Amino acid sequence: MTNTHEWTKDELVVCLREAGITSGTILNVRVSLKSIGRIKGGADTFLEAILDVIGPEGTLVVNSFINCYSIPLSETDAKNISTDSSPSYAGALANAILKHPDCVRSKHPIQKFAAVGKLAHELMNSHTPESDGYAVFEKLGHLGALKLSIGRKAIQVGDVGNTHAAIKVLGFYKKKPNKGVNYLAEDGTVKLFKVNWNGGCSRGYPKLQPFYEQADVIKHVRVGEAEAVLTDMKETFKIDIEKLNADPAFFFCDDPTCKDCRLNWEHSTGNYLAVKFHSLISIIKSKL
């Protein structure tokens, strides 16, 4: 039987408060809106519900990342100039917040964040082309922000803690992809920006979640019809630092065909021939 219920703003406000979000919360949200169910008014309604719950003393931060392209840029890709108004691939909530009259967007050309609330300017204005792509996560951890991940995919495939920040602080080095984007600089000129941060394989990050459970810094909740988790970014950051300092490869995934984990990091221990061999075996098995 098809579920015809439409979640209203007031109902979503109740869900968020029951999850443990209060007035004054600094909140980072990653969400699959479809997982919540039908929302009356869509992403705009969900955004309004969050802002009502955290109030004027709170701050909402969302990922509003944009695409980057292989360098040298093709003629078509060169025309996709990164600006404050560039649409994001990060989902409906990201693009809803960009339309909000009080939205402040970071100046990083690719790993753009967007924020509304008391600390929006403080967090976003310091995130520039010279910053690490995930520097905002580090600041959110220091400020004791909460991270709300909504939907099974957001929980299982992604960083529900603060692992990106831990990787940066520990100084792990990764071979950067030769990708970038043209962006509109503060002086009004168009410049080329090259990827300057260490991404990671999201399939490895969930390995840290049992340690969040043991430390009681992760809370399983529901928002609408969706599974969700609420984590303390300061406390997960401490756990990430401890685990990755003891074993820098702990966040690597277990897939022997994964080039990112097996080959790209300075502390990767795989080799090209082994990755190619396992990739070939995987292809053969998929055709049987």
C-alpha atoms as a PDB file:
ATOM      1  CA  MET A   1       0.000   0.000   0.000  1.00  0.00           C
ATOM      2  CA  THR A   2       1.383   3.379  -1.018  1.00  0.00           C
ATOM      3  CA  ASN A   3       2.147   5.759   1.844  1.00  0.00           C
ATOM      4  CA  THR A   4       0.282   8.981   1.068  1.00  0.00           C
ATOM      5  CA  HIS A   5       1.231  10.848   4.233  1.00  0.00           C
ATOM      6  CA  GLU A   6       2.778  14.290   3.703  1.00  0.00           C
ATOM      7  CA  TRP A   7       5.088  15.473   6.434  1.00  0.00           C
ATOM      8  CA  THR A   8       4.368  19.031   7.505  1.00  0.00           C
ATOM      9  CA  LYS A   9       6.773  21.571   8.906  1.00  0.00           C
ATOM     10  CA  ASP A  10       5.298  21.196  12.398  1.00  0.00           C
ATOM     11  CA  GLU A  11       5.716  17.415  12.294  1.00  0.00           C
ATOM     12  CA  LEU A  12       9.316  17.735  11.162  1.00  0.00           C
ATOM     13  CA  VAL A  13       9.992  20.211  13.958  1.00  0.00           C
ATOM     14  CA  VAL A  14       8.765  17.592  16.442  1.00  0.00           C
ATOM     15  CA  CYS A  15      10.998  14.928  14.843  1.00  0.00           C
ATOM     16  CA  LEU A  16      14.070  17.152  15.025  1.00  0.00           C
ATOM     17  CA  ARG A  17      13.450  18.111  18.645  1.00  0.00           C
ATOM     18  CA  GLU A  18      12.870  14.503  19.627  1.00  0.00           C
ATOM     19  CA  ALA A  19      16.191  13.689  17.924  1.00  0.00           C
ATOM     20  CA  GLY A  20      17.921  15.967  20.422  1.00  0.00           C
ATOM     21  CA  ILE A  21      18.364  19.169  18.434  1.00  0.00           C
ATOM     22  CA  THR A  22      17.726  22.277  20.495  1.00  0.00           C
ATOM     23  CA  SER A  23      17.742  26.044  20.198  1.00  0.00           C
ATOM     24  CA  GLY A  24      21.279  27.350  19.721  1.00  0.00           C
ATOM     25  CA  THR A  25      22.615  24.123  18.166  1.00  0.00           C
ATOM     26  CA  ILE A  26      25.381  24.368  15.578  1.00  0.00           C
ATOM     27  CA  LEU A  27      24.235  21.723  13.117  1.00  0.00           C
ATOM     28  CA  ASN A  28      25.757  20.099  10.037  1.00  0.00           C
ATOM     29  CA  VAL A  29      23.151  18.188   8.022  1.00  0.00           C
ATOM     30  CA  ARG A  30      23.558  15.543   5.349  1.00  0.00           C
ATOM     31  CA  VAL A  31      20.207  14.279   4.117  1.00  0.00           C
ATOM     32  CA  SER A  32      18.433  12.205   1.518  1.00  0.00           C
ATOM     33  CA  LEU A  33      15.097  14.008   1.483  1.00  0.00           C
ATOM     34  CA  LYS A  34      13.429  11.097  -0.319  1.00  0.00           C
ATOM     35  CA  SER A  35      14.161   8.872   2.659  1.00  0.00           C
ATOM     36  CA  ILE A  36      12.073  11.126   4.920  1.00  0.00           C
ATOM     37  CA  GLY A  37       8.989  10.591   2.766  1.00  0.00           C
ATOM     38  CA  ARG A  38       6.746  13.106   1.067  1.00  0.00           C
ATOM     39  CA  ILE A  39       7.265  16.564   2.546  1.00  0.00           C
ATOM     40  CA  LYS A  40       4.622  19.221   2.050  1.00  0.00           C
ATOM     41  CA  GLY A  41       6.627  22.020   0.446  1.00  0.00           C
ATOM     42  CA  GLY A  42       9.706  19.854  -0.162  1.00  0.00           C
ATOM     43  CA  ALA A  43      13.222  20.975   0.716  1.00  0.00           C
ATOM     44  CA  ASP A  44      12.133  24.519   1.601  1.00  0.00           C
ATOM     45  CA  THR A  45       9.817  23.178   4.299  1.00  0.00           C
ATOM     46  CA  PHE A  46      12.530  20.951   5.738  1.00  0.00           C
ATOM     47  CA  LEU A  47      14.940  23.903   5.811  1.00  0.00           C
ATOM     48  CA  GLU A  48      12.368  26.055   7.608  1.00  0.00           C
ATOM     49  CA  ALA A  49      11.820  23.290  10.156  1.00  0.00           C
ATOM     50  CA  ILE A  50      15.543  23.071  10.960  1.00  0.00           C
ATOM     51  CA  LEU A  51      15.892  26.843  11.292  1.00  0.00           C
ATOM     52  CA  ASP A  52      12.861  26.998  13.587  1.00  0.00           C
ATOM     53  CA  VAL A  53      14.375  24.352  15.863  1.00  0.00           C
ATOM     54  CA  ILE A  54      17.883  25.831  16.134  1.00  0.00           C
ATOM     55  CA  GLY A  55      16.569  29.402  16.365  1.00  0.00           C
ATOM     56  CA  PRO A  56      18.470  32.659  15.825  1.00  0.00           C
ATOM     57  CA  GLU A  57      21.284  31.603  18.164  1.00  0.00           C
ATOM     58  CA  GLY A  58      21.923  28.415  16.219  1.00  0.00           C
ATOM     59  CA  THR A  59      23.750  27.847  12.928  1.00  0.00           C
ATOM     60  CA  LEU A  60      22.974  25.436  10.120  1.00  0.00           C
ATOM     61  CA  VAL A  61      25.834  24.321   7.852  1.00  0.00           C
ATOM     62  CA  VAL A  62      25.349  22.141   4.792  1.00  0.00           C
ATOM     63  CA  ASN A  63      27.676  20.829   2.101  1.00  0.00           C
ATOM     64  CA  SER A  64      27.023  22.707  -1.141  1.00  0.00           C
ATOM     65  CA  PHE A  65      29.889  21.250  -3.177  1.00  0.00           C
ATOM     66  CA  ILE A  66      30.119  21.722  -6.941  1.00  0.00           C
ATOM     67  CA  ASN A  67      31.612  19.663  -9.749  1.00  0.00           C
ATOM     68  CA  CYS A  68      35.233  19.844 -10.832  1.00  0.00           C
ATOM     69  CA  TYR A  69      36.762  18.702 -14.114  1.00  0.00           C
ATOM     70  CA  SER A  70      39.856  17.097 -15.584  1.00  0.00           C
ATOM     71  CA  ILE A  71      42.754  19.445 -16.284  1.00  0.00           C
ATOM     72  CA  PRO A  72      43.439  20.775 -18.878  1.00  0.00           C
ATOM     73  CA  LEU A  73      39.836  21.960 -18.935  1.00  0.00           C
ATOM     74  CA  SER A  74      37.883  21.351 -22.085  1.00  0.00           C
ATOM     75  CA  GLU A  75      36.317  24.342 -23.798  1.00  0.00           C
ATOM     76  CA  THR A  76      32.940  23.384 -22.312  1.00  0.00           C
ATOM     77  CA  ASP A  77      34.247  22.762 -18.781  1.00  0.00           C
ATOM     78  CA  ALA A  78      36.180  26.039 -18.815  1.00  0.00           C
ATOM     79  CA  LYS A  79      32.877  27.885 -19.161  1.00  0.00           C
ATOM     80  CA  ASN A  80      31.531  26.357 -15.930  1.00  0.00           C
ATOM     81  CA  ILE A  81      32.857  29.116 -13.709  1.00  0.00           C
ATOM     82  CA  SER A  82      32.493  28.671  -9.958  1.00  0.00           C
ATOM     83  CA  THR A  83      30.713  31.577  -8.254  1.00  0.00           C
ATOM     84  CA  ASP A  84      28.706  32.123  -5.067  1.00  0.00           C
ATOM     85  CA  SER A  85      25.554  31.220  -6.980  1.00  0.00           C
ATOM     86  CA  SER A  86      26.786  27.987  -8.598  1.00  0.00           C
ATOM     87  CA  PRO A  87      24.236  25.197  -8.096  1.00  0.00           C
ATOM     88  CA  SER A  88      25.345  22.247  -5.990  1.00  0.00           C
ATOM     89  CA  TYR A  89      25.229  18.525  -6.705  1.00  0.00           C
ATOM     90  CA  ALA A  90      24.862  17.867  -2.956  1.00  0.00           C
ATOM     91  CA  GLY A  91      21.082  17.582  -2.997  1.00  0.00           C
ATOM     92  CA  ALA A  92      17.848  19.473  -2.606  1.00  0.00           C
ATOM     93  CA  LEU A  93      18.605  20.883   0.856  1.00  0.00           C
ATOM     94  CA  ALA A  94      21.873  22.387  -0.384  1.00  0.00           C
ATOM     95  CA  ASN A  95      20.126  24.181  -3.224  1.00  0.00           C
ATOM     96  CA  ALA A  96      17.268  25.274  -0.956  1.00  0.00           C
ATOM     97  CA  ILE A  97      19.630  26.939   1.508  1.00  0.00           C
ATOM     98  CA  LEU A  98      21.353  28.768  -1.347  1.00  0.00           C
ATOM     99  CA  LYS A  99      18.060  30.554  -2.018  1.00  0.00           C
ATOM    100  CA  HIS A 100      17.633  31.630   1.600  1.00  0.00           C
ATOM    101  CA  PRO A 101      18.043  35.416   2.030  1.00  0.00           C
ATOM    102  CA  ASP A 102      20.427  34.966   4.974  1.00  0.00           C
ATOM    103  CA  CYS A 103      22.601  32.302   3.345  1.00  0.00           C
ATOM    104  CA  VAL A 104      26.369  32.799   3.461  1.00  0.00           C
ATOM    105  CA  ARG A 105      28.459  30.593   1.165  1.00  0.00           C
ATOM    106  CA  SER A 106      32.138  29.835   1.568  1.00  0.00           C
ATOM    107  CA  LYS A 107      34.623  31.099  -1.025  1.00  0.00           C
ATOM    108  CA  HIS A 108      36.318  27.775  -1.652  1.00  0.00           C
ATOM    109  CA  PRO A 109      35.937  27.191  -5.416  1.00  0.00           C
ATOM    110  CA  ILE A 110      34.823  23.531  -5.183  1.00  0.00           C
ATOM    111  CA  GLN A 111      34.212  22.282  -1.620  1.00  0.00           C
ATOM    112  CA  LYS A 112      31.723  25.023  -0.930  1.00  0.00           C
ATOM    113  CA  PHE A 113      29.716  25.039   2.280  1.00  0.00           C
ATOM    114  CA  ALA A 114      26.619  27.134   2.925  1.00  0.00           C
ATOM    115  CA  ALA A 115      25.321  28.372   6.262  1.00  0.00           C
ATOM    116  CA  VAL A 116      22.494  30.293   7.883  1.00  0.00           C
ATOM    117  CA  GLY A 117      22.580  31.501  11.469  1.00  0.00           C
ATOM    118  CA  LYS A 118      24.608  33.249  14.116  1.00  0.00           C
ATOM    119  CA  LEU A 119      28.040  31.910  13.107  1.00  0.00           C
ATOM    120  CA  ALA A 120      27.433  31.766   9.349  1.00  0.00           C
ATOM    121  CA  HIS A 121      29.771  34.634   8.451  1.00  0.00           C
ATOM    122  CA  GLU A 122      32.474  33.507  10.892  1.00  0.00           C
ATOM    123  CA  LEU A 123      32.539  29.991   9.463  1.00  0.00           C
ATOM    124  CA  MET A 124      32.072  30.748   5.793  1.00  0.00           C
ATOM    125  CA  ASN A 125      34.209  33.872   5.304  1.00  0.00           C
ATOM    126  CA  SER A 126      37.347  32.065   6.477  1.00  0.00           C
ATOM    127  CA  HIS A 127      36.898  29.198   4.002  1.00  0.00           C
ATOM    128  CA  THR A 128      38.766  30.480   0.964  1.00  0.00           C
ATOM    129  CA  PRO A 129      40.715  29.093  -2.032  1.00  0.00           C
ATOM    130  CA  GLU A 130      43.724  28.827   0.264  1.00  0.00           C
ATOM    131  CA  SER A 131      41.842  26.639   2.764  1.00  0.00           C
ATOM    132  CA  ASP A 132      41.720  22.871   2.928  1.00  0.00           C
ATOM    133  CA  GLY A 133      38.501  21.667   1.343  1.00  0.00           C
ATOM    134  CA  TYR A 134      37.203  20.275   4.642  1.00  0.00           C
ATOM    135  CA  ALA A 135      38.528  22.969   6.993  1.00  0.00           C
ATOM    136  CA  VAL A 136      34.964  23.863   7.968  1.00  0.00           C
ATOM    137  CA  PHE A 137      34.537  20.401   9.520  1.00  0.00           C
ATOM    138  CA  GLU A 138      37.546  20.996  11.748  1.00  0.00           C
ATOM    139  CA  LYS A 139      36.042  24.268  12.995  1.00  0.00           C
ATOM    140  CA  LEU A 140      32.672  22.642  13.583  1.00  0.00           C
ATOM    141  CA  GLY A 141      34.387  20.025  15.713  1.00  0.00           C
ATOM    142  CA  HIS A 142      36.117  22.642  17.849  1.00  0.00           C
ATOM    143  CA  LEU A 143      32.774  24.429  18.296  1.00  0.00           C
ATOM    144  CA  GLY A 144      31.018  21.278  19.482  1.00  0.00           C
ATOM    145  CA  ALA A 145      28.664  21.063  16.519  1.00  0.00           C
ATOM    146  CA  LEU A 146      26.297  18.172  15.951  1.00  0.00           C
ATOM    147  CA  LYS A 147      26.077  16.260  12.684  1.00  0.00           C
ATOM    148  CA  LEU A 148      22.730  14.906  11.550  1.00  0.00           C
ATOM    149  CA  SER A 149      22.881  12.244   8.835  1.00  0.00           C
ATOM    150  CA  ILE A 150      19.462  11.276   7.487  1.00  0.00           C
ATOM    151  CA  GLY A 151      18.749   8.265   5.301  1.00  0.00           C
ATOM    152  CA  ARG A 152      20.456   4.881   5.065  1.00  0.00           C
ATOM    153  CA  LYS A 153      22.841   5.994   2.331  1.00  0.00           C
ATOM    154  CA  ALA A 154      23.912   9.073   4.291  1.00  0.00           C
ATOM    155  CA  ILE A 155      24.605   6.862   7.297  1.00  0.00           C
ATOM    156  CA  GLN A 156      26.345   3.928   5.614  1.00  0.00           C
ATOM    157  CA  VAL A 157      28.186   5.704   2.807  1.00  0.00           C
ATOM    158  CA  GLY A 158      29.687   8.830   4.237  1.00  0.00           C
ATOM    159  CA  ASP A 159      31.449  10.415   7.166  1.00  0.00           C
ATOM    160  CA  VAL A 160      28.957  10.605  10.057  1.00  0.00           C
ATOM    161  CA  GLY A 161      31.788  11.619  12.365  1.00  0.00           C
ATOM    162  CA  ASN A 162      34.541  14.109  11.641  1.00  0.00           C
ATOM    163  CA  THR A 163      37.034  11.881   9.831  1.00  0.00           C
ATOM    164  CA  HIS A 164      37.846  14.332   7.040  1.00  0.00           C
ATOM    165  CA  ALA A 165      39.053  16.817   9.653  1.00  0.00           C
ATOM    166  CA  ALA A 166      41.113  14.171  11.445  1.00  0.00           C
ATOM    167  CA  ILE A 167      42.839  13.169   8.207  1.00  0.00           C
ATOM    168  CA  LYS A 168      43.757  16.805   7.604  1.00  0.00           C
ATOM    169  CA  VAL A 169      45.064  17.407  11.139  1.00  0.00           C
ATOM    170  CA  LEU A 170      47.178  14.229  11.087  1.00  0.00           C
ATOM    171  CA  GLY A 171      48.804  15.388   7.865  1.00  0.00           C
ATOM    172  CA  PHE A 172      48.205  12.283   5.788  1.00  0.00           C
ATOM    173  CA  TYR A 173      49.297  12.859   2.199  1.00  0.00           C
ATOM    174  CA  LYS A 174      47.394  11.655  -0.831  1.00  0.00           C
ATOM    175  CA  LYS A 175      48.127  11.915  -4.532  1.00  0.00           C
ATOM    176  CA  LYS A 176      45.747  14.608  -5.760  1.00  0.00           C
ATOM    177  CA  PRO A 177      43.621  14.048  -8.861  1.00  0.00           C
ATOM    178  CA  ASN A 178      44.464  16.401 -11.718  1.00  0.00           C
ATOM    179  CA  LYS A 179      41.128  18.146 -11.519  1.00  0.00           C
ATOM    180  CA  GLY A 180      39.897  21.658 -10.953  1.00  0.00           C
ATOM    181  CA  VAL A 181      37.583  24.441 -12.010  1.00  0.00           C
ATOM    182  CA  ASN A 182      37.692  28.029 -13.154  1.00  0.00           C
ATOM    183  CA  TYR A 183      36.413  30.369 -10.469  1.00  0.00           C
ATOM    184  CA  LEU A 184      35.585  34.030 -10.072  1.00  0.00           C
ATOM    185  CA  ALA A 185      38.215  35.462  -7.724  1.00  0.00           C
ATOM    186  CA  GLU A 186      37.704  38.322  -5.283  1.00  0.00           C
ATOM    187  CA  ASP A 187      39.478  40.720  -7.655  1.00  0.00           C
ATOM    188  CA  GLY A 188      36.940  39.956 -10.393  1.00  0.00           C
ATOM    189  CA  THR A 189      39.258  37.846 -12.551  1.00  0.00           C
ATOM    190  CA  VAL A 190      38.701  34.240 -13.572  1.00  0.00           C
ATOM    191  CA  LYS A 191      41.367  31.865 -12.243  1.00  0.00           C
ATOM    192  CA  LEU A 192      42.026  28.140 -12.399  1.00  0.00           C
ATOM    193  CA  PHE A 193      41.757  26.260  -9.117  1.00  0.00           C
ATOM    194  CA  LYS A 194      43.220  22.773  -8.680  1.00  0.00           C
ATOM    195  CA  VAL A 195      41.992  20.237  -6.125  1.00  0.00           C
ATOM    196  CA  ASN A 196      43.932  20.918  -2.910  1.00  0.00           C
ATOM    197  CA  TRP A 197      42.429  18.557  -0.338  1.00  0.00           C
ATOM    198  CA  ASN A 198      42.508  14.878   0.560  1.00  0.00           C
ATOM    199  CA  GLY A 199      39.261  13.134  -0.164  1.00  0.00           C
ATOM    200  CA  GLY A 200      38.842   9.582   1.041  1.00  0.00           C
ATOM    201  CA  CYS A 201      37.016   6.385   0.201  1.00  0.00           C
ATOM    202  CA  SER A 202      33.652   6.682   1.941  1.00  0.00           C
ATOM    203  CA  ARG A 203      33.340   2.896   2.161  1.00  0.00           C
ATOM    204  CA  GLY A 204      35.985   2.866   4.887  1.00  0.00           C
ATOM    205  CA  TYR A 205      34.540   5.545   7.186  1.00  0.00           C
ATOM    206  CA  PRO A 206      31.738   3.336   8.609  1.00  0.00           C
ATOM    207  CA  LYS A 207      34.446   1.189  10.248  1.00  0.00           C
ATOM    208  CA  LEU A 208      34.739   3.949  12.859  1.00  0.00           C
ATOM    209  CA  GLN A 209      31.070   3.879  13.836  1.00  0.00           C
ATOM    210  CA  PRO A 210      31.330   0.998  16.360  1.00  0.00           C
ATOM    211  CA  PHE A 211      33.794   3.122  18.333  1.00  0.00           C
ATOM    212  CA  TYR A 212      31.319   6.021  18.348  1.00  0.00           C
ATOM    213  CA  GLU A 213      28.750   3.558  19.692  1.00  0.00           C
ATOM    214  CA  GLN A 214      31.086   2.394  22.450  1.00  0.00           C
ATOM    215  CA  ALA A 215      31.809   5.981  23.466  1.00  0.00           C
ATOM    216  CA  ASP A 216      28.089   6.851  23.368  1.00  0.00           C
ATOM    217  CA  VAL A 217      28.617   9.820  21.030  1.00  0.00           C
ATOM    218  CA  ILE A 218      26.189   8.603  18.368  1.00  0.00           C
ATOM    219  CA  LYS A 219      22.425   8.611  18.729  1.00  0.00           C
ATOM    220  CA  HIS A 220      20.092   6.616  16.479  1.00  0.00           C
ATOM    221  CA  VAL A 221      16.947   8.589  15.720  1.00  0.00           C
ATOM    222  CA  ARG A 222      14.230   8.907  13.090  1.00  0.00           C
ATOM    223  CA  VAL A 223      13.286  11.917  10.997  1.00  0.00           C
ATOM    224  CA  GLY A 224      10.018  11.334   9.219  1.00  0.00           C
ATOM    225  CA  GLU A 225      10.235   7.824   7.788  1.00  0.00           C
ATOM    226  CA  ALA A 226      14.032   7.854   7.660  1.00  0.00           C
ATOM    227  CA  GLU A 227      16.694   6.263   9.796  1.00  0.00           C
ATOM    228  CA  ALA A 228      19.076   8.940  11.037  1.00  0.00           C
ATOM    229  CA  VAL A 229      22.049   9.373  13.346  1.00  0.00           C
ATOM    230  CA  LEU A 230      23.078  12.377  15.390  1.00  0.00           C
ATOM    231  CA  THR A 231      26.760  12.613  16.302  1.00  0.00           C
ATOM    232  CA  ASP A 232      28.882  14.975  18.372  1.00  0.00           C
ATOM    233  CA  MET A 233      31.562  16.248  15.971  1.00  0.00           C
ATOM    234  CA  LYS A 234      33.972  17.188  18.753  1.00  0.00           C
ATOM    235  CA  GLU A 235      33.844  13.740  20.328  1.00  0.00           C
ATOM    236  CA  THR A 236      33.953  11.790  17.052  1.00  0.00           C
ATOM    237  CA  PHE A 237      36.939  13.915  16.065  1.00  0.00           C
ATOM    238  CA  LYS A 238      38.774  12.755  19.203  1.00  0.00           C
ATOM    239  CA  ILE A 239      38.007   9.119  18.390  1.00  0.00           C
ATOM    240  CA  ASP A 240      39.079   9.543  14.760  1.00  0.00           C
ATOM    241  CA  ILE A 241      42.382  11.108  15.827  1.00  0.00           C
ATOM    242  CA  GLU A 242      43.042   8.296  18.303  1.00  0.00           C
ATOM    243  CA  LYS A 243      42.253   5.471  15.872  1.00  0.00           C
ATOM    244  CA  LEU A 244      43.981   6.955  12.831  1.00  0.00           C
ATOM    245  CA  ASN A 245      47.035   7.986  14.813  1.00  0.00           C
ATOM    246  CA  ALA A 246      47.413   4.370  15.948  1.00  0.00           C
ATOM    247  CA  ASP A 247      46.678   2.961  12.480  1.00  0.00           C
ATOM    248  CA  PRO A 248      46.750   5.462   9.588  1.00  0.00           C
ATOM    249  CA  ALA A 249      45.205   2.868   7.281  1.00  0.00           C
ATOM    250  CA  PHE A 250      42.212   2.233   9.536  1.00  0.00           C
ATOM    251  CA  PHE A 251      39.874   4.271   7.329  1.00  0.00           C
ATOM    252  CA  PHE A 252      40.816   2.334   4.186  1.00  0.00           C
ATOM    253  CA  CYS A 253      38.058   0.162   2.754  1.00  0.00           C
ATOM    254  CA  ASP A 254      38.437  -3.616   2.397  1.00  0.00           C
ATOM    255  CA  ASP A 255      37.945  -3.738  -1.369  1.00  0.00           C
ATOM    256  CA  PRO A 256      41.168  -5.064  -2.984  1.00  0.00           C
ATOM    257  CA  THR A 257      40.181  -3.331  -6.253  1.00  0.00           C
ATOM    258  CA  CYS A 258      39.994   0.140  -4.663  1.00  0.00           C
ATOM    259  CA  LYS A 259      42.746   2.248  -6.210  1.00  0.00           C
ATOM    260  CA  ASP A 260      42.133   5.093  -3.773  1.00  0.00           C
ATOM    261  CA  CYS A 261      42.901   3.052  -0.662  1.00  0.00           C
ATOM    262  CA  ARG A 262      45.424   0.625  -2.143  1.00  0.00           C
ATOM    263  CA  LEU A 263      47.521   3.087  -4.187  1.00  0.00           C
ATOM    264  CA  ASN A 264      46.874   6.794  -3.709  1.00  0.00           C
ATOM    265  CA  TRP A 265      47.896   7.513  -0.111  1.00  0.00           C
ATOM    266  CA  GLU A 266      51.492   7.925   1.010  1.00  0.00           C
ATOM    267  CA  HIS A 267      50.874   5.125   3.501  1.00  0.00           C
ATOM    268  CA  SER A 268      49.036   2.845   1.048  1.00  0.00           C
ATOM    269  CA  THR A 269      50.630  -0.606   0.949  1.00  0.00           C
ATOM    270  CA  GLY A 270      49.011  -2.062  -2.172  1.00  0.00           C
ATOM    271  CA  ASN A 271      50.574  -2.313  -5.584  1.00  0.00           C
ATOM    272  CA  TYR A 272      49.286  -1.644  -9.079  1.00  0.00           C
ATOM    273  CA  LEU A 273      49.537  -5.234 -10.332  1.00  0.00           C
ATOM    274  CA  ALA A 274      47.569  -6.603  -7.374  1.00  0.00           C
ATOM    275  CA  VAL A 275      44.801  -4.035  -7.863  1.00  0.00           C
ATOM    276  CA  LYS A 276      44.611  -4.828 -11.585  1.00  0.00           C
ATOM    277  CA  PHE A 277      44.529  -8.567 -10.847  1.00  0.00           C
ATOM    278  CA  HIS A 278      41.670  -8.256  -8.362  1.00  0.00           C
ATOM    279  CA  SER A 279      39.840  -5.907 -10.727  1.00  0.00           C
ATOM    280  CA  LEU A 280      40.117  -8.483 -13.515  1.00  0.00           C
ATOM    281  CA  ILE A 281      38.816 -11.252 -11.234  1.00  0.00           C
ATOM    282  CA  SER A 282      35.902  -9.016 -10.233  1.00  0.00           C
ATOM    283  CA  ILE A 283      35.025  -8.373 -13.892  1.00  0.00           C
ATOM    284  CA  ILE A 284      35.163 -12.092 -14.706  1.00  0.00           C
ATOM    285  CA  LYS A 285      32.920 -12.987 -11.745  1.00  0.00           C
ATOM    286  CA  SER A 286      30.362 -10.346 -12.756  1.00  0.00           C
ATOM    287  CA  LYS A 287      30.035 -11.965 -16.197  1.00  0.00           C
ATOM    288  CA  LEU A 288      29.601 -15.540 -14.972  1.00  0.00           C
END
